[in-house]
Amino acid sequence: MGFIFLIDFCWILKKLQTKWKVSAVRLLLIISTFAIGGSLCAYSGRKLFGVTNIEKGFLWVLLYIITISILWPIAIILVSIPLGQFFFFKRYLSSIYEKISGKKKI
């Protein structure tokens, strides 16, 4: 079971490497940026909501989702700079924006 998971995981990594047209080292840096940026985003969101007096309910969940959606791209860009992946994530976030907004970059 574990061996099959490892084969599938390697296949997924190879597919991402081909899709993004990056070397193995850059793929590792990109995945690290996603992991560190996501953790930074979650940590910042928890700290930010720790100082509010909003009761954990529907409103809290809604505001948390909105806040995390705003913080995530900022965290990713901040982490991508020291890891040398700024231009990759600038393009990546631009493509996400285009898909969400329906606007094409000129």
C-alpha atoms as a PDB file:
ATOM      1  CA  MET A   1       0.000   0.000   0.000  1.00  0.00           C
ATOM      2  CA  GLY A   2       2.754   2.459   0.942  1.00  0.00           C
ATOM      3  CA  PHE A   3       4.741   1.551  -2.170  1.00  0.00           C
ATOM      4  CA  ILE A   4       1.774   2.316  -4.440  1.00  0.00           C
ATOM      5  CA  PHE A   5       1.336   5.680  -2.708  1.00  0.00           C
ATOM      6  CA  LEU A   6       5.012   6.467  -3.300  1.00  0.00           C
ATOM      7  CA  ILE A   7       4.721   5.621  -7.001  1.00  0.00           C
ATOM      8  CA  ASP A   8       1.601   7.789  -7.329  1.00  0.00           C
ATOM      9  CA  PHE A   9       3.256  10.643  -5.442  1.00  0.00           C
ATOM     10  CA  CYS A  10       6.337  10.536  -7.685  1.00  0.00           C
ATOM     11  CA  TRP A  11       4.094  10.472 -10.761  1.00  0.00           C
ATOM     12  CA  ILE A  12       2.219  13.561  -9.532  1.00  0.00           C
ATOM     13  CA  LEU A  13       5.478  15.422  -8.869  1.00  0.00           C
ATOM     14  CA  LYS A  14       6.771  14.542 -12.335  1.00  0.00           C
ATOM     15  CA  LYS A  15       3.502  15.717 -13.877  1.00  0.00           C
ATOM     16  CA  LEU A  16       3.735  19.062 -12.035  1.00  0.00           C
ATOM     17  CA  GLN A  17       7.362  19.432 -13.087  1.00  0.00           C
ATOM     18  CA  THR A  18       6.378  18.909 -16.723  1.00  0.00           C
ATOM     19  CA  LYS A  19       3.327  21.183 -16.522  1.00  0.00           C
ATOM     20  CA  TRP A  20       5.243  24.044 -14.946  1.00  0.00           C
ATOM     21  CA  LYS A  21       8.402  23.381 -17.041  1.00  0.00           C
ATOM     22  CA  VAL A  22      10.766  23.567 -14.066  1.00  0.00           C
ATOM     23  CA  SER A  23      13.757  21.594 -12.830  1.00  0.00           C
ATOM     24  CA  ALA A  24      13.543  19.225  -9.877  1.00  0.00           C
ATOM     25  CA  VAL A  25      15.231  21.780  -7.610  1.00  0.00           C
ATOM     26  CA  ARG A  26      12.803  24.538  -8.641  1.00  0.00           C
ATOM     27  CA  LEU A  27       9.878  22.156  -8.095  1.00  0.00           C
ATOM     28  CA  LEU A  28      11.137  21.539  -4.556  1.00  0.00           C
ATOM     29  CA  LEU A  29      11.398  25.305  -3.969  1.00  0.00           C
ATOM     30  CA  ILE A  30       7.902  25.875  -5.380  1.00  0.00           C
ATOM     31  CA  ILE A  31       6.359  23.175  -3.194  1.00  0.00           C
ATOM     32  CA  SER A  32       8.250  24.566  -0.192  1.00  0.00           C
ATOM     33  CA  THR A  33       6.883  28.037  -0.972  1.00  0.00           C
ATOM     34  CA  PHE A  34       3.327  26.661  -1.058  1.00  0.00           C
ATOM     35  CA  ALA A  35       3.859  24.871   2.273  1.00  0.00           C
ATOM     36  CA  ILE A  36       5.570  27.732   4.119  1.00  0.00           C
ATOM     37  CA  GLY A  37       3.248  30.379   2.634  1.00  0.00           C
ATOM     38  CA  GLY A  38       0.152  28.376   3.540  1.00  0.00           C
ATOM     39  CA  SER A  39       1.411  27.864   7.087  1.00  0.00           C
ATOM     40  CA  LEU A  40       2.243  31.560   7.421  1.00  0.00           C
ATOM     41  CA  CYS A  41      -1.223  32.440   6.156  1.00  0.00           C
ATOM     42  CA  ALA A  42      -2.958  30.127   8.636  1.00  0.00           C
ATOM     43  CA  TYR A  43      -0.769  31.346  11.506  1.00  0.00           C
ATOM     44  CA  SER A  44      -1.450  35.001  10.642  1.00  0.00           C
ATOM     45  CA  GLY A  45      -5.174  34.354  10.342  1.00  0.00           C
ATOM     46  CA  ARG A  46      -5.275  32.632  13.743  1.00  0.00           C
ATOM     47  CA  LYS A  47      -3.340  35.473  15.374  1.00  0.00           C
ATOM     48  CA  LEU A  48      -5.515  38.100  13.704  1.00  0.00           C
ATOM     49  CA  PHE A  49      -8.733  36.414  14.787  1.00  0.00           C
ATOM     50  CA  GLY A  50      -7.337  35.770  18.249  1.00  0.00           C
ATOM     51  CA  VAL A  51      -7.616  39.478  19.050  1.00  0.00           C
ATOM     52  CA  THR A  52     -11.212  39.801  17.858  1.00  0.00           C
ATOM     53  CA  ASN A  53     -14.252  39.232  20.004  1.00  0.00           C
ATOM     54  CA  ILE A  54     -16.251  37.532  17.279  1.00  0.00           C
ATOM     55  CA  GLU A  55     -17.985  34.393  18.496  1.00  0.00           C
ATOM     56  CA  LYS A  56     -17.153  31.236  16.530  1.00  0.00           C
ATOM     57  CA  GLY A  57     -20.208  30.851  14.384  1.00  0.00           C
ATOM     58  CA  PHE A  58     -21.324  31.544  10.836  1.00  0.00           C
ATOM     59  CA  LEU A  59     -20.044  35.142  10.812  1.00  0.00           C
ATOM     60  CA  TRP A  60     -16.643  34.064  12.179  1.00  0.00           C
ATOM     61  CA  VAL A  61     -16.284  31.360   9.520  1.00  0.00           C
ATOM     62  CA  LEU A  62     -17.312  33.739   6.739  1.00  0.00           C
ATOM     63  CA  LEU A  63     -14.882  36.459   7.867  1.00  0.00           C
ATOM     64  CA  TYR A  64     -12.112  33.889   8.352  1.00  0.00           C
ATOM     65  CA  ILE A  65     -12.518  32.548   4.802  1.00  0.00           C
ATOM     66  CA  ILE A  66     -12.449  36.080   3.384  1.00  0.00           C
ATOM     67  CA  THR A  67      -9.401  36.997   5.478  1.00  0.00           C
ATOM     68  CA  ILE A  68      -7.474  33.854   4.503  1.00  0.00           C
ATOM     69  CA  SER A  69      -8.361  34.446   0.843  1.00  0.00           C
ATOM     70  CA  ILE A  70      -6.763  37.880   1.101  1.00  0.00           C
ATOM     71  CA  LEU A  71      -3.765  36.814   3.201  1.00  0.00           C
ATOM     72  CA  TRP A  72      -2.800  33.734   1.130  1.00  0.00           C
ATOM     73  CA  PRO A  73      -1.492  35.534  -1.989  1.00  0.00           C
ATOM     74  CA  ILE A  74       0.383  38.024   0.194  1.00  0.00           C
ATOM     75  CA  ALA A  75       2.000  35.228   2.209  1.00  0.00           C
ATOM     76  CA  ILE A  76       2.921  33.294  -0.950  1.00  0.00           C
ATOM     77  CA  ILE A  77       4.560  36.338  -2.539  1.00  0.00           C
ATOM     78  CA  LEU A  78       6.456  37.188   0.664  1.00  0.00           C
ATOM     79  CA  VAL A  79       7.798  33.642   0.988  1.00  0.00           C
ATOM     80  CA  SER A  80       8.589  33.352  -2.728  1.00  0.00           C
ATOM     81  CA  ILE A  81      11.026  36.278  -2.648  1.00  0.00           C
ATOM     82  CA  PRO A  82      13.716  34.733  -0.386  1.00  0.00           C
ATOM     83  CA  LEU A  83      13.244  31.336  -2.066  1.00  0.00           C
ATOM     84  CA  GLY A  84      13.844  32.904  -5.481  1.00  0.00           C
ATOM     85  CA  GLN A  85      10.450  31.934  -6.907  1.00  0.00           C
ATOM     86  CA  PHE A  86       8.867  35.398  -7.130  1.00  0.00           C
ATOM     87  CA  PHE A  87       8.414  35.400 -10.928  1.00  0.00           C
ATOM     88  CA  PHE A  88       6.853  31.924 -10.922  1.00  0.00           C
ATOM     89  CA  PHE A  89       4.306  32.929  -8.269  1.00  0.00           C
ATOM     90  CA  LYS A  90       3.653  36.295  -9.886  1.00  0.00           C
ATOM     91  CA  ARG A  91       2.608  34.421 -13.047  1.00  0.00           C
ATOM     92  CA  TYR A  92       0.755  31.758 -11.027  1.00  0.00           C
ATOM     93  CA  LEU A  93      -1.295  34.300  -9.062  1.00  0.00           C
ATOM     94  CA  SER A  94      -1.979  36.286 -12.241  1.00  0.00           C
ATOM     95  CA  SER A  95      -3.405  33.187 -13.905  1.00  0.00           C
ATOM     96  CA  ILE A  96      -5.599  32.485 -10.857  1.00  0.00           C
ATOM     97  CA  TYR A  97      -6.864  36.080 -10.963  1.00  0.00           C
ATOM     98  CA  GLU A  98      -7.642  35.745 -14.675  1.00  0.00           C
ATOM     99  CA  LYS A  99      -9.601  32.536 -14.092  1.00  0.00           C
ATOM    100  CA  ILE A 100     -11.588  34.002 -11.191  1.00  0.00           C
ATOM    101  CA  SER A 101     -12.300  37.376 -12.762  1.00  0.00           C
ATOM    102  CA  GLY A 102     -12.723  36.209 -16.347  1.00  0.00           C
ATOM    103  CA  LYS A 103     -10.359  38.949 -17.480  1.00  0.00           C
ATOM    104  CA  LYS A 104      -7.473  38.215 -19.813  1.00  0.00           C
ATOM    105  CA  LYS A 105      -4.151  39.959 -19.403  1.00  0.00           C
ATOM    106  CA  ILE A 106      -3.329  42.210 -22.349  1.00  0.00           C
END
